[in-house]
Protein backbone atom coordinates (compact mmCIF):
# COMPACT_ATOMS: atom_id res chain seq x y z
CA MET A 1 0.14 0.05 -0.10
CA THR A 2 1.40 3.51 -1.48
CA ASP A 3 -0.03 5.72 0.76
CA MET A 4 1.13 4.42 4.24
CA LEU A 5 2.93 6.51 6.45
CA PHE A 6 3.79 5.20 9.64
CA SER A 7 5.90 1.97 9.73
CA ALA A 8 7.02 1.33 13.44
CA ALA A 9 7.01 2.77 16.89
CA PHE A 10 9.39 2.52 19.55
CA PRO A 11 8.95 3.66 22.83
CA PHE A 12 11.61 6.36 24.68
CA GLN A 13 11.06 4.02 27.80
CA ASP A 14 9.41 1.03 28.42
CA ASP A 15 6.33 -0.02 26.73
CA VAL A 16 4.76 2.29 23.39
CA LEU A 17 1.43 0.67 24.26
CA GLN A 18 1.59 2.36 27.56
CA LEU A 19 2.91 5.76 27.33
CA PRO A 20 1.51 7.99 30.05
CA VAL A 21 -1.37 10.46 30.08
CA ALA A 22 -3.73 11.69 32.91
CA ASP A 23 -6.75 11.69 30.72
CA LEU A 24 -7.49 8.64 28.08
CA ASP A 25 -10.28 10.01 26.47
CA GLN A 26 -9.07 13.57 26.34
CA ALA A 27 -5.75 11.16 24.93
CA ALA A 28 -7.51 9.71 22.40
CA ASP A 29 -9.43 12.63 20.96
CA TYR A 30 -5.87 14.46 20.54
CA TYR A 31 -3.86 11.93 18.83
CA ARG A 32 -6.91 10.75 16.24
CA GLU A 33 -6.70 14.57 15.28
CA ALA A 34 -3.73 15.52 15.21
CA PHE A 35 -2.04 12.42 14.06
CA GLY A 36 -4.25 10.32 12.14
CA LEU A 37 -4.60 7.60 14.47
CA THR A 38 -8.07 5.19 14.69
CA GLU A 39 -8.82 3.89 18.14
CA ILE A 40 -8.83 -0.05 17.79
CA ARG A 41 -9.24 -1.18 21.96
CA ARG A 42 -9.53 -0.15 25.05
CA GLU A 43 -7.98 -2.19 27.85
CA SER A 44 -8.64 -1.94 31.98
CA ASP A 45 -6.00 -4.76 33.21
CA PRO A 46 -3.36 -3.92 34.30
CA VAL A 47 -4.34 -0.17 33.66
CA ALA A 48 -6.54 1.48 32.27
CA LYS A 49 -5.26 2.00 28.48
CA VAL A 50 -6.71 3.13 24.98
CA ILE A 51 -5.14 1.43 21.72
CA LEU A 52 -4.67 4.17 18.52
CA ALA A 53 -2.92 2.77 15.27
CA ARG A 54 -2.48 4.15 12.08
CA ASP A 55 -1.24 1.91 9.03
CA GLY A 56 -0.75 -1.00 11.55
CA VAL A 57 1.42 0.71 13.72
CA GLU A 58 -0.02 0.63 17.40
CA ILE A 59 0.45 3.03 20.16
CA GLY A 60 -1.03 3.08 23.64
CA PHE A 61 -2.01 5.53 26.45
CA ALA A 62 -2.26 4.48 29.73
CA ILE A 63 -2.96 5.86 33.55
CA THR A 64 0.28 4.74 34.87
CA GLY A 65 0.71 8.14 37.12
CA ALA A 66 4.21 8.60 35.09
CA ASP A 67 5.66 11.75 34.05
CA PRO A 68 4.63 12.23 30.34
CA THR A 69 7.14 15.06 29.88
CA GLN A 70 9.55 12.01 30.64
CA ASP A 71 8.48 9.58 27.85
CA GLY A 72 7.06 9.52 24.35
CA ALA A 73 7.94 7.58 20.81
CA ALA A 74 9.89 7.70 18.18
CA ILE A 75 8.01 6.93 14.92
CA LEU A 76 9.51 5.56 12.09
CA VAL A 77 7.79 7.18 8.55
CA THR A 78 7.87 6.30 4.90
CA ASP A 79 8.05 10.23 4.16
CA ILE A 80 9.07 12.61 6.66
CA GLU A 81 7.83 15.13 4.30
CA ARG A 82 4.62 14.17 4.32
CA ALA A 83 4.44 13.74 7.99
CA ALA A 84 5.46 17.08 8.52
CA ARG A 85 2.69 18.52 5.98
CA GLU A 86 0.12 16.46 7.50
CA LEU A 87 0.76 17.28 11.60
CA THR A 88 1.41 21.45 10.25
CA GLU A 89 -1.80 21.16 8.65
CA ARG A 90 -3.55 19.97 12.11
CA GLY A 91 -2.08 22.61 13.37
CA VAL A 92 0.63 20.31 15.12
CA GLU A 93 3.35 22.86 15.67
CA ILE A 94 6.94 20.37 14.75
CA GLY A 95 10.57 21.45 15.96
CA ASN A 96 13.92 20.79 15.45
CA ARG A 97 13.83 19.69 12.08
CA ARG A 98 17.49 18.32 11.38
CA ILE A 99 19.95 15.37 9.64
CA ASP A 100 20.86 12.76 12.66
CA GLU A 101 23.86 10.52 12.34
CA ARG A 102 23.34 6.81 14.33
CA ASP A 103 25.33 3.86 13.74
CA GLY A 104 26.43 4.88 10.30
CA GLU A 105 23.29 5.79 9.07
CA SER A 106 21.73 9.54 8.34
CA PHE A 107 18.34 10.39 9.60
CA ASP A 108 16.04 13.57 8.44
CA VAL A 109 13.84 14.01 11.52
CA PHE A 110 11.61 16.57 13.72
CA PHE A 111 9.84 16.57 17.26
CA VAL A 112 6.34 16.77 18.54
CA VAL A 113 5.45 17.71 21.58
CA ALA A 114 1.93 17.06 22.58
CA PRO A 115 -0.13 18.93 24.95
CA ASP A 116 0.10 15.95 27.48
CA GLY A 117 4.05 16.64 27.42
CA LEU A 118 4.45 13.36 25.22
CA CYS A 119 7.41 13.93 22.88
CA TYR A 120 7.53 12.18 19.76
CA TYR A 121 10.83 11.79 17.24
CA PHE A 122 9.65 11.47 13.90
CA HIS A 123 12.40 9.96 11.62
CA GLN A 124 12.74 8.93 8.03
CA PRO A 125 16.56 7.22 6.91
CA ILE A 126 18.19 9.18 4.97
CA ALA A 127 19.08 6.70 1.37
CA SER A 128 23.08 6.68 0.87
CA GLU A 129 24.26 7.49 -1.97
CA SER A 130 26.12 4.02 -3.20
């Protein structure tokens, strides 16, 4: 499918399916609007959480009591320009656009800090000229 944008999500801390938030309904509403995610399920055990997804990539938000400003996720995308454009068009502020070097690979990246304090690192590998 060529219109896929999200490829994978990796947690900054422990679990990309339990990013800490104070209110599940507010989180679900924000991420549907801002990131284009779709709610796929809610769970209550062992903690209350909501799981959202886009392009088969799941991201979850949970009432854990943890500090959201100390967590977030790295979101691998297929088209960093499209990701930046979509987010900006939805009123999301992107920041710190740059090129990162990691393990001999270059990445085009930017950050989003959501209203709940969670930080997102959107990134796409830059094809090497071989």
